[in-house]
Amino acid sequence: MLILHNARIYSLGDPSTASALAVDRGKIVALGDDREILTQFGQGARTFDLDQHPVIPGLIDAHVHLEHYSLSLQKIDCEVPSLAECLRLVAERAKTTPPGDWVLGHGWNQNLWPEGFPSKAELDKIAPNNPVYLTHKSLHTGWANSAALRAAGINSNTPDPSDGEIQREEHGNPTGILLEGAMWMVYEAIPELDGDELAEALNYAQTKLWEQGLTGIHDFDGAACFDALQRLWQNDKLRLRVVKNIPVADLPHASALGLRSGFGDDFLRIGGIKAFADGALGPHTAAMLQPYENEPENRGMLLLDAEEILEHGQEAASAGLSMTVHAIGDKANHEVLNAFERLRGFEKTLKDFESHKVLRHRIEHVQLLHPDDAPRLAELGIIASMQPIHATSDMVMADQYWGERAGHSYAWRSQLDHGAVLAFGSDAPVEAPNPFWGLHAAVTRQRADGFPGSEGWYPQQRLNIDESLKAYTYGAAYAAGTEEIQGKLAPGFWADLVVLNMDPFTCSPEELKDIKSLGTMVTGEWVYESF
């Protein structure tokens, strides 16, 4: 038995507050005041005096690319304000990298650079002896030098893949910029870590996530990440609760194996089938109903239409698997909602259909909706899996490239008011996985420096702290089907919690970004302590 006492506990359940809780065999058995809990459970128990620090349920990031995040911790951080600074960092890394070995980085954003999109030529000058590949902040574009293009077999005669584009110069030669599906041509040329090496990278990454107060994530990477997670699980090293989503390309295999959403145990379970309906705002590949501002010929890239999504959805639903579809532009979201509307009808024809066990389909990002589509997620029971920090990162781009339509973007308040379940995350490594930065963005709609002002960007979409925390706890747990044991501090729930240095319910909204974990507990055991 373990007792935490002399704390300010926010359960996000009933009772809403307490000063002590008791834990036995990894689960909470009681909450109450100090005297009550210590009297009833104190004999022979281990006690931990929390010195009036606030405690909240363990936070869950509902959208992470765990393999990409883990590997990004080893890559060049290219999220810098100038092309020159990015090139300087690449040149430094190239100097210490043996000839022929890959130089990898992540985070550049041409929208912040006056030069716009870069090219292979800049990289060729500073790293002629190494293949260089740098992924865009959005993970929807790559920047390669000539050596990397050669390694991938990309030249002037290489056709564009059906789901992507090789950006070309006037005479047809690749510029080094690869959009969407074209990126995979380079990915396949990069030497992969073996399973144990990737598992160790994930193992290190989970320690960084614990430090930030995260006790669970929903992962959106592929089979190699699933293999590495299982290796950690097999060796009893996985202490981060992971919901593993499966790429749509692997749907036939998952169906044939009989995998179903929710299958697994307390630390590793199956989520849904992940598909991409479009690209992203940063590279202007998000699919739009109307063209981008000042780009009359560009409506982005629709990677899957409603018919294709429905086809995948019917196969998934027949196998007991939910769908989780990436959609950023208003056209993509419209197509996904049309598909889900028809899919709900199809599900009712399945022989094992039970209305109280409907599949928990999700739209990932939901960044821009046409006003007519805004109520449809709630009406169809579709979870709005959104990332608050995208709004504060993207606000200038959204205003510039979507114009007045940006007023309907990143609309958390609208979705909550319509009745949709919100599940918040970060999309790491697209953004940092720090959930307190996400809470700050959700409550203030401001950047860390206060931009664009005290009211925030489209302030009518702000949430309060209780609503935001529930999206990082209950909402994410609901999306995983674990809301009866995760997402609150209540008897029978997992003893997953975070001790904080600052009280999110009493500090100023501007201070939310500065909150840190002093201790993170999973199943009644401290996985991170800095008391």
Protein backbone atom coordinates (compact mmCIF):
# COMPACT_ATOMS: atom_id res chain seq x y z
CA MET A 1 0.00 0.00 0.00
CA LEU A 2 1.20 3.52 -0.88
CA ILE A 3 -0.31 6.74 0.42
CA LEU A 4 0.31 10.18 -1.08
CA HIS A 5 -0.83 12.93 1.29
CA ASN A 6 -0.55 16.64 2.07
CA ALA A 7 -1.25 17.37 -1.60
CA ARG A 8 -3.69 19.36 -3.72
CA ILE A 9 -5.18 16.58 -5.81
CA TYR A 10 -7.33 17.41 -8.83
CA SER A 11 -8.97 14.13 -9.74
CA LEU A 12 -10.95 15.37 -12.78
CA GLY A 13 -13.60 13.05 -11.36
CA ASP A 14 -15.77 12.86 -8.24
CA PRO A 15 -14.77 14.11 -5.72
CA SER A 16 -13.03 16.75 -7.77
CA THR A 17 -10.40 17.50 -5.12
CA ALA A 18 -8.69 15.67 -2.28
CA SER A 19 -5.54 15.94 -0.19
CA ALA A 20 -4.61 12.25 -0.09
CA LEU A 21 -4.99 9.04 -2.03
CA ALA A 22 -4.19 5.40 -1.43
CA VAL A 23 -2.70 3.04 -4.02
CA ASP A 24 -2.62 -0.74 -3.92
CA ARG A 25 -1.27 -3.08 -6.61
CA GLY A 26 -1.00 -0.29 -9.15
CA LYS A 27 -4.53 1.08 -8.78
CA ILE A 28 -6.12 3.82 -6.72
CA VAL A 29 -8.28 2.45 -3.91
CA ALA A 30 -9.45 5.66 -2.22
CA LEU A 31 -9.25 9.45 -2.21
CA GLY A 32 -10.07 11.81 0.65
CA ASP A 33 -8.55 14.09 3.23
CA ASP A 34 -5.29 13.24 4.99
CA ARG A 35 -6.85 12.11 8.24
CA GLU A 36 -9.38 9.87 6.53
CA ILE A 37 -6.90 8.12 4.23
CA LEU A 38 -4.08 7.78 6.77
CA THR A 39 -6.45 6.43 9.41
CA GLN A 40 -8.06 3.89 7.13
CA PHE A 41 -5.03 2.76 5.12
CA GLY A 42 -1.95 4.05 6.93
CA GLN A 43 -0.98 1.02 9.02
CA GLY A 44 2.02 -0.61 7.34
CA ALA A 45 1.73 1.62 4.27
CA ARG A 46 4.49 3.59 2.63
CA THR A 47 3.65 7.29 2.87
CA PHE A 48 4.79 10.16 0.72
CA ASP A 49 4.32 13.75 1.91
CA LEU A 50 3.86 15.94 -1.18
CA ASP A 51 4.27 19.23 0.68
CA GLN A 52 1.09 20.75 -0.79
CA HIS A 53 2.17 20.27 -4.40
CA PRO A 54 -0.64 19.91 -6.95
CA VAL A 55 -1.38 16.49 -8.43
CA ILE A 56 -3.26 15.72 -11.66
CA PRO A 57 -3.98 12.50 -13.58
CA GLY A 58 -1.21 11.25 -15.84
CA LEU A 59 -1.30 13.11 -19.15
CA ILE A 60 -1.83 11.29 -22.45
CA ASP A 61 -0.55 12.55 -25.80
CA ALA A 62 -3.13 11.35 -28.31
CA HIS A 63 -0.92 11.81 -31.38
CA VAL A 64 2.79 11.01 -31.39
CA HIS A 65 5.14 9.58 -34.00
CA LEU A 66 7.21 7.70 -31.45
CA GLU A 67 9.87 6.31 -33.78
CA HIS A 68 10.31 9.68 -35.49
CA TYR A 69 10.40 11.45 -32.13
CA SER A 70 12.92 8.99 -30.70
CA LEU A 71 15.19 9.35 -33.71
CA SER A 72 14.74 13.13 -33.77
CA LEU A 73 16.52 13.26 -30.43
CA GLN A 74 19.62 12.16 -32.37
CA LYS A 75 19.11 14.41 -35.42
CA ILE A 76 20.07 17.99 -36.20
CA ASP A 77 17.43 20.37 -34.88
CA CYS A 78 16.61 22.38 -38.00
CA GLU A 79 13.81 24.42 -36.44
CA VAL A 80 15.78 27.66 -36.73
CA PRO A 81 14.81 31.11 -38.01
CA SER A 82 17.11 31.28 -41.02
CA LEU A 83 18.34 29.13 -43.88
CA ALA A 84 21.91 30.22 -43.08
CA GLU A 85 21.64 28.90 -39.51
CA CYS A 86 20.22 25.59 -40.72
CA LEU A 87 23.09 25.21 -43.19
CA ARG A 88 25.62 26.04 -40.48
CA LEU A 89 24.27 23.25 -38.29
CA VAL A 90 24.37 20.77 -41.17
CA ALA A 91 27.95 21.76 -42.01
CA GLU A 92 29.02 21.19 -38.39
CA ARG A 93 27.46 17.74 -38.31
CA ALA A 94 28.97 16.82 -41.70
CA LYS A 95 32.47 17.64 -40.42
CA THR A 96 32.19 14.94 -37.76
CA THR A 97 30.36 12.36 -39.91
CA PRO A 98 32.43 9.79 -41.85
CA PRO A 99 32.21 10.13 -45.65
CA GLY A 100 29.30 8.18 -47.04
CA ASP A 101 27.32 8.15 -43.78
CA TRP A 102 23.97 9.89 -43.67
CA VAL A 103 23.44 13.31 -42.11
CA LEU A 104 19.86 13.61 -40.86
CA GLY A 105 17.87 16.51 -39.47
CA HIS A 106 14.33 17.65 -38.80
CA GLY A 107 12.27 20.79 -38.29
CA TRP A 108 12.98 23.28 -41.11
CA ASN A 109 10.14 25.50 -42.30
CA GLN A 110 10.51 27.46 -45.51
CA ASN A 111 7.63 29.74 -44.51
CA LEU A 112 10.00 31.37 -42.00
CA TRP A 113 12.78 31.92 -44.54
CA PRO A 114 12.76 34.81 -47.06
CA GLU A 115 14.37 32.48 -49.61
CA GLY A 116 11.36 30.12 -49.50
CA PHE A 117 11.98 26.50 -50.42
CA PRO A 118 15.71 25.60 -50.41
CA SER A 119 17.37 23.24 -52.88
CA LYS A 120 19.93 20.46 -53.06
CA ALA A 121 22.59 22.94 -54.20
CA GLU A 122 22.95 24.55 -50.75
CA LEU A 123 23.45 21.15 -49.14
CA ASP A 124 25.85 19.96 -51.86
CA LYS A 125 28.20 22.86 -51.09
CA ILE A 126 28.54 22.09 -47.40
CA ALA A 127 28.26 18.29 -47.39
CA PRO A 128 29.54 16.93 -50.71
CA ASN A 129 30.69 13.62 -49.21
CA ASN A 130 27.56 12.66 -47.30
CA PRO A 131 23.96 11.99 -48.23
CA VAL A 132 21.90 14.62 -46.38
CA TYR A 133 18.18 14.39 -45.69
CA LEU A 134 16.24 16.90 -43.62
CA THR A 135 12.54 16.51 -42.92
CA HIS A 136 10.19 19.49 -42.82
CA LYS A 137 8.59 20.52 -39.53
CA SER A 138 5.29 19.10 -40.83
CA LEU A 139 6.85 15.72 -41.76
CA HIS A 140 5.12 16.13 -45.13
CA THR A 141 8.17 17.38 -47.08
CA GLY A 142 11.82 16.38 -47.31
CA TRP A 143 14.97 18.22 -48.44
CA ALA A 144 17.73 16.08 -49.91
CA ASN A 145 21.14 16.75 -51.40
CA SER A 146 22.42 15.16 -54.60
CA ALA A 147 24.06 12.24 -52.80
CA ALA A 148 20.78 11.41 -51.03
CA LEU A 149 18.85 11.62 -54.30
CA ARG A 150 21.36 9.28 -55.96
CA ALA A 151 21.06 6.82 -53.08
CA ALA A 152 17.29 6.85 -53.56
CA GLY A 153 17.55 6.47 -57.34
CA ILE A 154 15.84 9.81 -58.00
CA ASN A 155 16.80 11.64 -61.17
CA SER A 156 15.20 13.62 -63.99
CA ASN A 157 13.60 10.45 -65.40
CA THR A 158 12.03 9.32 -62.13
CA PRO A 159 8.23 9.62 -62.28
CA ASP A 160 6.28 11.17 -59.43
CA PRO A 161 4.60 8.64 -57.16
CA SER A 162 0.81 8.65 -57.20
CA ASP A 163 0.65 10.18 -53.73
CA GLY A 164 3.47 12.69 -53.95
CA GLU A 165 5.65 14.97 -56.03
CA ILE A 166 9.33 15.39 -56.83
CA GLN A 167 9.84 19.13 -57.11
CA ARG A 168 11.75 19.90 -60.30
CA GLU A 169 13.79 22.65 -61.90
CA GLU A 170 12.91 24.15 -65.28
CA HIS A 171 14.64 21.31 -67.18
CA GLY A 172 13.12 18.54 -65.12
CA ASN A 173 16.00 17.90 -62.71
CA PRO A 174 14.99 17.32 -59.05
CA THR A 175 15.46 20.37 -56.83
CA GLY A 176 15.93 18.23 -53.74
CA ILE A 177 12.45 18.97 -52.36
CA LEU A 178 10.17 15.93 -52.05
CA LEU A 179 6.48 16.27 -51.22
CA GLU A 180 4.28 13.71 -49.46
CA GLY A 181 4.70 10.15 -50.84
CA ALA A 182 7.91 11.05 -52.69
CA MET A 183 9.62 11.24 -49.31
CA TRP A 184 9.43 7.47 -48.91
CA MET A 185 11.82 7.00 -51.82
CA VAL A 186 14.57 8.51 -49.66
CA TYR A 187 13.39 6.92 -46.41
CA GLU A 188 13.85 3.51 -47.99
CA ALA A 189 17.47 4.31 -48.83
CA ILE A 190 18.43 5.34 -45.29
CA PRO A 191 19.98 2.46 -43.31
CA GLU A 192 17.56 1.35 -40.61
CA LEU A 193 18.42 0.64 -37.00
CA ASP A 194 17.95 -3.00 -36.12
CA GLY A 195 15.12 -3.90 -33.78
CA ASP A 196 17.15 -3.77 -30.57
CA GLU A 197 18.76 -0.45 -31.49
CA LEU A 198 15.38 1.12 -32.20
CA ALA A 199 14.01 -0.33 -28.97
CA GLU A 200 16.80 1.38 -27.04
CA ALA A 201 16.04 4.67 -28.81
CA LEU A 202 12.39 4.31 -27.78
CA ASN A 203 13.42 3.40 -24.26
CA TYR A 204 15.37 6.65 -23.95
CA ALA A 205 12.49 8.61 -25.49
CA GLN A 206 10.02 7.32 -22.91
CA THR A 207 12.21 8.76 -20.14
CA LYS A 208 12.00 12.17 -21.84
CA LEU A 209 8.20 11.86 -22.07
CA TRP A 210 7.91 10.91 -18.38
CA GLU A 211 9.90 14.02 -17.50
CA GLN A 212 7.20 16.07 -19.21
CA GLY A 213 4.34 14.47 -17.28
CA LEU A 214 3.22 12.01 -19.93
CA THR A 215 2.16 8.55 -18.82
CA GLY A 216 0.57 7.46 -22.10
CA ILE A 217 0.70 8.10 -25.84
CA HIS A 218 -1.09 7.10 -29.03
CA ASP A 219 1.54 6.22 -31.62
CA PHE A 220 1.21 6.69 -35.40
CA ASP A 221 4.42 5.18 -36.77
CA GLY A 222 4.77 1.87 -38.59
CA ALA A 223 5.73 -1.76 -38.19
CA ALA A 224 9.33 -1.14 -37.08
CA CYS A 225 8.06 0.94 -34.17
CA PHE A 226 5.52 -1.77 -33.26
CA ASP A 227 8.32 -4.35 -33.27
CA ALA A 228 10.52 -2.17 -31.05
CA LEU A 229 7.66 -1.55 -28.62
CA GLN A 230 7.08 -5.28 -28.33
CA ARG A 231 10.77 -5.80 -27.59
CA LEU A 232 10.53 -3.29 -24.73
CA TRP A 233 7.32 -4.94 -23.52
CA GLN A 234 8.90 -8.42 -23.68
CA ASN A 235 11.85 -7.22 -21.59
CA ASP A 236 9.56 -5.50 -19.06
CA LYS A 237 10.95 -2.08 -19.98
CA LEU A 238 7.79 -0.52 -21.39
CA ARG A 239 6.30 1.71 -18.69
CA LEU A 240 4.59 4.19 -20.99
CA ARG A 241 1.05 3.20 -21.94
CA VAL A 242 0.99 3.00 -25.74
CA VAL A 243 -1.95 2.72 -28.10
CA LYS A 244 -0.45 1.51 -31.38
CA ASN A 245 -2.18 2.62 -34.55
CA ILE A 246 -1.55 0.66 -37.75
CA PRO A 247 -0.80 2.19 -41.19
CA VAL A 248 -3.54 1.61 -43.74
CA ALA A 249 -1.05 -0.22 -45.97
CA ASP A 250 -0.93 -2.94 -43.30
CA LEU A 251 -4.71 -3.22 -42.96
CA PRO A 252 -4.89 -6.50 -44.95
CA HIS A 253 -2.25 -8.05 -42.68
CA ALA A 254 -3.93 -6.81 -39.50
CA SER A 255 -7.29 -8.10 -40.68
CA ALA A 256 -5.85 -11.47 -41.66
CA LEU A 257 -4.20 -11.82 -38.24
CA GLY A 258 -7.47 -11.00 -36.52
CA LEU A 259 -6.15 -7.93 -34.68
CA ARG A 260 -8.94 -5.78 -33.25
CA SER A 261 -9.01 -2.29 -31.77
CA GLY A 262 -8.47 -2.55 -28.01
CA PHE A 263 -6.56 -5.83 -28.12
CA GLY A 264 -3.54 -5.87 -25.83
CA ASP A 265 -2.76 -5.24 -22.19
CA ASP A 266 -2.23 -2.34 -19.81
CA PHE A 267 0.88 -1.08 -21.63
CA LEU A 268 0.49 -1.94 -25.30
CA ARG A 269 -2.77 -2.22 -27.17
CA ILE A 270 -4.07 -1.89 -30.72
CA GLY A 271 -5.67 1.38 -31.77
CA GLY A 272 -7.06 2.07 -35.23
CA ILE A 273 -6.07 2.05 -38.88
CA LYS A 274 -4.25 5.25 -39.86
CA ALA A 275 -4.81 6.77 -43.30
CA PHE A 276 -3.91 10.13 -44.86
CA ALA A 277 -6.60 12.12 -46.65
CA ASP A 278 -4.29 15.03 -47.51
CA GLY A 279 -1.00 16.77 -46.82
CA ALA A 280 -0.26 19.73 -44.54
CA LEU A 281 -0.53 23.51 -44.36
CA GLY A 282 3.24 24.16 -44.22
CA PRO A 283 4.07 22.79 -47.70
CA HIS A 284 0.63 23.89 -49.00
CA THR A 285 -0.50 20.32 -49.64
CA ALA A 286 -3.55 20.30 -47.33
CA ALA A 287 -6.59 19.67 -49.57
CA MET A 288 -8.81 22.73 -49.88
CA LEU A 289 -12.33 23.42 -51.16
CA GLN A 290 -11.05 26.73 -52.55
CA PRO A 291 -7.49 27.66 -53.59
CA TYR A 292 -4.79 28.90 -51.25
CA GLU A 293 -4.58 32.67 -51.01
CA ASN A 294 -2.55 34.09 -53.93
CA GLU A 295 -2.16 30.57 -55.38
CA PRO A 296 -5.18 30.31 -57.70
CA GLU A 297 -4.11 26.95 -59.15
CA ASN A 298 -3.31 25.28 -55.83
CA ARG A 299 -5.97 23.43 -53.85
CA GLY A 300 -3.46 21.11 -52.18
CA MET A 301 -3.30 17.34 -52.55
CA LEU A 302 -6.26 15.06 -51.80
CA LEU A 303 -4.61 11.71 -51.16
CA LEU A 304 -7.81 9.76 -50.47
CA ASP A 305 -11.38 10.69 -51.42
CA ALA A 306 -14.56 9.60 -49.64
CA GLU A 307 -14.95 6.44 -51.73
CA GLU A 308 -11.41 5.28 -50.99
CA ILE A 309 -11.73 6.06 -47.28
CA LEU A 310 -15.04 4.20 -47.16
CA GLU A 311 -13.48 1.18 -48.84
CA HIS A 312 -10.71 1.07 -46.23
CA GLY A 313 -13.21 1.75 -43.47
CA GLN A 314 -15.48 -1.12 -44.47
CA GLU A 315 -12.57 -3.54 -44.49
CA ALA A 316 -11.40 -2.23 -41.10
CA ALA A 317 -14.85 -2.23 -39.48
CA SER A 318 -15.51 -5.77 -40.69
CA ALA A 319 -12.38 -6.81 -38.82
CA GLY A 320 -13.27 -4.86 -35.66
CA LEU A 321 -10.79 -2.07 -36.32
CA SER A 322 -11.54 1.64 -36.04
CA MET A 323 -10.33 4.24 -38.54
CA THR A 324 -8.17 7.23 -37.67
CA VAL A 325 -7.76 9.56 -40.64
CA HIS A 326 -5.39 12.50 -41.05
CA ALA A 327 -7.29 15.48 -42.47
CA ILE A 328 -6.11 19.09 -42.35
CA GLY A 329 -7.74 21.06 -45.18
CA ASP A 330 -11.50 21.70 -45.37
CA LYS A 331 -11.79 19.55 -48.50
CA ALA A 332 -10.07 16.61 -46.83
CA ASN A 333 -12.22 16.89 -43.71
CA HIS A 334 -15.36 17.07 -45.86
CA GLU A 335 -14.39 13.90 -47.71
CA VAL A 336 -13.56 12.06 -44.48
CA LEU A 337 -16.86 13.05 -42.87
CA ASN A 338 -18.77 11.91 -45.95
CA ALA A 339 -16.98 8.57 -45.74
CA PHE A 340 -17.65 8.20 -42.01
CA GLU A 341 -21.33 8.99 -42.50
CA ARG A 342 -21.65 6.11 -44.94
CA LEU A 343 -19.42 3.89 -42.80
CA ARG A 344 -21.74 4.31 -39.81
CA GLY A 345 -24.55 2.97 -41.95
CA PHE A 346 -22.42 0.03 -43.09
CA GLU A 347 -21.47 -0.85 -39.51
CA LYS A 348 -25.13 -1.39 -38.61
CA THR A 349 -25.29 -4.20 -41.17
CA LEU A 350 -22.48 -6.17 -39.53
CA LYS A 351 -23.63 -9.29 -37.73
CA ASP A 352 -21.82 -8.44 -34.48
CA PHE A 353 -22.94 -4.80 -34.43
CA GLU A 354 -23.94 -3.51 -31.00
CA SER A 355 -25.01 0.10 -30.71
CA HIS A 356 -23.26 0.54 -27.36
CA LYS A 357 -19.95 -0.71 -28.79
CA VAL A 358 -19.64 1.43 -31.92
CA LEU A 359 -16.11 1.81 -33.21
CA ARG A 360 -14.40 4.97 -32.02
CA HIS A 361 -13.28 6.49 -35.29
CA ARG A 362 -11.13 9.62 -35.23
CA ILE A 363 -10.07 12.49 -37.43
CA GLU A 364 -6.48 13.50 -36.76
CA HIS A 365 -5.84 17.26 -36.71
CA VAL A 366 -9.24 18.61 -37.91
CA GLN A 367 -7.42 21.84 -38.62
CA LEU A 368 -9.92 23.50 -40.96
CA LEU A 369 -13.61 22.70 -41.34
CA HIS A 370 -16.19 24.35 -43.55
CA PRO A 371 -18.85 25.75 -41.16
CA ASP A 372 -21.42 23.32 -42.55
CA ASP A 373 -19.21 20.40 -41.49
CA ALA A 374 -18.47 21.64 -37.96
CA PRO A 375 -21.36 19.77 -36.21
CA ARG A 376 -20.81 16.51 -38.06
CA LEU A 377 -18.09 14.98 -35.88
CA ALA A 378 -20.39 15.06 -32.85
CA GLU A 379 -23.37 13.85 -34.89
CA LEU A 380 -21.41 10.86 -36.19
CA GLY A 381 -19.59 10.09 -32.92
CA ILE A 382 -16.20 10.91 -34.43
CA ILE A 383 -13.42 11.89 -32.02
CA ALA A 384 -11.67 15.21 -32.74
CA SER A 385 -8.00 14.36 -32.23
CA MET A 386 -6.39 17.80 -32.25
CA GLN A 387 -3.08 19.41 -31.30
CA PRO A 388 -3.47 22.85 -29.67
CA ILE A 389 0.13 23.89 -30.25
CA HIS A 390 -0.39 23.59 -34.02
CA ALA A 391 -2.63 26.66 -33.82
CA THR A 392 -0.01 28.87 -32.23
CA SER A 393 2.74 27.56 -34.52
CA ASP A 394 0.61 27.87 -37.65
CA MET A 395 -1.42 31.03 -37.02
CA VAL A 396 0.63 33.31 -39.28
CA MET A 397 0.68 30.73 -42.08
CA ALA A 398 -3.05 30.10 -41.67
CA ASP A 399 -3.84 33.81 -41.98
CA GLN A 400 -1.53 34.14 -44.97
CA TYR A 401 -2.60 31.09 -46.96
CA TRP A 402 -6.19 30.53 -45.80
CA GLY A 403 -7.25 34.15 -45.31
CA GLU A 404 -10.68 34.58 -43.73
CA ARG A 405 -11.11 30.80 -43.62
CA ALA A 406 -8.60 30.74 -40.77
CA GLY A 407 -11.41 31.93 -38.51
CA HIS A 408 -12.83 28.41 -38.70
CA SER A 409 -9.53 26.65 -38.06
CA TYR A 410 -8.18 24.90 -34.94
CA ALA A 411 -11.71 25.29 -33.58
CA TRP A 412 -11.58 23.40 -30.28
CA ARG A 413 -14.36 25.42 -28.64
CA SER A 414 -16.69 24.85 -31.58
CA GLN A 415 -16.08 21.10 -31.51
CA LEU A 416 -16.59 20.89 -27.75
CA ASP A 417 -19.77 22.98 -27.91
CA HIS A 418 -21.17 20.77 -30.69
CA GLY A 419 -20.59 17.78 -28.40
CA ALA A 420 -17.52 16.13 -29.92
CA VAL A 421 -14.98 14.39 -27.68
CA LEU A 422 -11.62 16.19 -27.83
CA ALA A 423 -8.39 14.17 -27.59
CA PHE A 424 -5.35 16.45 -27.42
CA GLY A 425 -1.76 15.71 -28.40
CA SER A 426 1.36 17.21 -29.95
CA ASP A 427 2.14 15.39 -33.22
CA ALA A 428 5.73 15.08 -31.93
CA PRO A 429 8.27 15.52 -33.41
CA VAL A 430 6.30 18.00 -35.54
CA GLU A 431 5.90 19.90 -32.28
CA ALA A 432 7.53 19.38 -28.89
CA PRO A 433 5.58 16.83 -26.82
CA ASN A 434 5.48 19.09 -23.74
CA PRO A 435 1.77 18.92 -22.77
CA PHE A 436 1.97 22.13 -20.74
CA TRP A 437 2.87 24.04 -23.89
CA GLY A 438 -0.23 22.49 -25.43
CA LEU A 439 -2.36 23.50 -22.44
CA HIS A 440 -1.01 27.03 -22.70
CA ALA A 441 -1.93 27.16 -26.39
CA ALA A 442 -5.43 25.79 -25.74
CA VAL A 443 -6.20 28.27 -22.97
CA THR A 444 -4.53 31.41 -24.40
CA ARG A 445 -4.17 30.84 -28.17
CA GLN A 446 -0.90 32.73 -27.78
CA ARG A 447 2.72 31.86 -28.42
CA ALA A 448 5.16 31.76 -25.55
CA ASP A 449 6.12 35.40 -26.17
CA GLY A 450 2.49 36.56 -26.00
CA PHE A 451 1.99 36.96 -29.75
CA PRO A 452 -0.47 38.00 -31.18
CA GLY A 453 -1.73 39.82 -28.06
CA SER A 454 -3.56 39.45 -24.78
CA GLU A 455 -6.77 38.05 -26.32
CA GLY A 456 -4.98 35.47 -28.43
CA TRP A 457 -5.68 34.36 -32.00
CA TYR A 458 -9.42 33.98 -32.67
CA PRO A 459 -10.05 34.01 -28.91
CA GLN A 460 -13.59 32.67 -29.28
CA GLN A 461 -11.98 29.22 -29.67
CA ARG A 462 -10.14 29.27 -26.32
CA LEU A 463 -10.83 26.60 -23.71
CA ASN A 464 -10.57 26.80 -19.94
CA ILE A 465 -8.01 24.77 -18.02
CA ASP A 466 -10.48 22.10 -16.91
CA GLU A 467 -11.66 21.48 -20.47
CA SER A 468 -8.10 21.40 -21.77
CA LEU A 469 -6.85 19.00 -19.12
CA LYS A 470 -9.76 16.66 -19.79
CA ALA A 471 -8.78 16.54 -23.46
CA TYR A 472 -5.28 15.41 -22.39
CA THR A 473 -6.71 12.82 -19.98
CA TYR A 474 -10.29 11.58 -20.25
CA GLY A 475 -10.62 12.46 -23.96
CA ALA A 476 -7.48 10.58 -24.94
CA ALA A 477 -8.50 7.65 -22.73
CA TYR A 478 -11.97 7.61 -24.34
CA ALA A 479 -10.37 7.48 -27.78
CA ALA A 480 -8.45 4.39 -26.64
CA GLY A 481 -11.48 2.77 -25.00
CA THR A 482 -9.83 2.93 -21.57
CA GLU A 483 -11.92 5.68 -19.99
CA GLU A 484 -13.07 3.29 -17.22
CA ILE A 485 -9.51 2.84 -15.92
CA GLN A 486 -7.54 5.84 -17.23
CA GLY A 487 -7.90 9.60 -17.42
CA LYS A 488 -9.05 10.30 -13.86
CA LEU A 489 -7.86 9.77 -10.31
CA ALA A 490 -10.60 7.55 -8.91
CA PRO A 491 -10.97 4.18 -7.16
CA GLY A 492 -10.30 1.36 -9.61
CA PHE A 493 -8.32 3.57 -12.00
CA TRP A 494 -4.63 3.08 -12.77
CA ALA A 495 -2.41 5.01 -10.36
CA ASP A 496 -0.97 7.19 -13.13
CA LEU A 497 -0.39 10.74 -11.96
CA VAL A 498 1.83 13.80 -12.12
CA VAL A 499 3.07 16.00 -9.28
CA LEU A 500 3.51 19.58 -10.49
CA ASN A 501 5.67 22.55 -9.52
CA MET A 502 2.77 24.97 -10.10
CA ASP A 503 -1.01 24.76 -9.82
CA PRO A 504 -2.67 24.91 -13.26
CA PHE A 505 -6.00 25.88 -11.68
CA THR A 506 -4.66 28.93 -9.82
CA CYS A 507 -1.69 30.15 -11.86
CA SER A 508 -2.19 32.74 -14.60
CA PRO A 509 -2.93 31.38 -18.07
CA GLU A 510 0.40 32.78 -19.26
CA GLU A 511 2.23 30.66 -16.65
CA LEU A 512 0.81 27.34 -17.88
CA LYS A 513 3.72 26.93 -20.30
CA ASP A 514 6.14 27.03 -17.36
CA ILE A 515 4.60 24.13 -15.43
CA LYS A 516 6.90 21.15 -14.97
CA SER A 517 6.58 17.67 -13.56
CA LEU A 518 8.27 17.12 -10.22
CA GLY A 519 7.32 13.47 -10.25
CA THR A 520 5.54 11.17 -12.68
CA MET A 521 3.96 7.94 -11.46
CA VAL A 522 2.80 4.97 -13.55
CA THR A 523 0.98 2.04 -11.91
CA GLY A 524 1.89 3.35 -8.46
CA GLU A 525 5.62 3.54 -9.19
CA TRP A 526 7.68 6.67 -9.72
CA VAL A 527 9.14 6.63 -13.24
CA TYR A 528 10.47 10.17 -12.86
CA GLU A 529 11.32 12.13 -9.71
CA SER A 530 12.89 15.54 -9.20
CA PHE A 531 11.61 16.39 -5.71
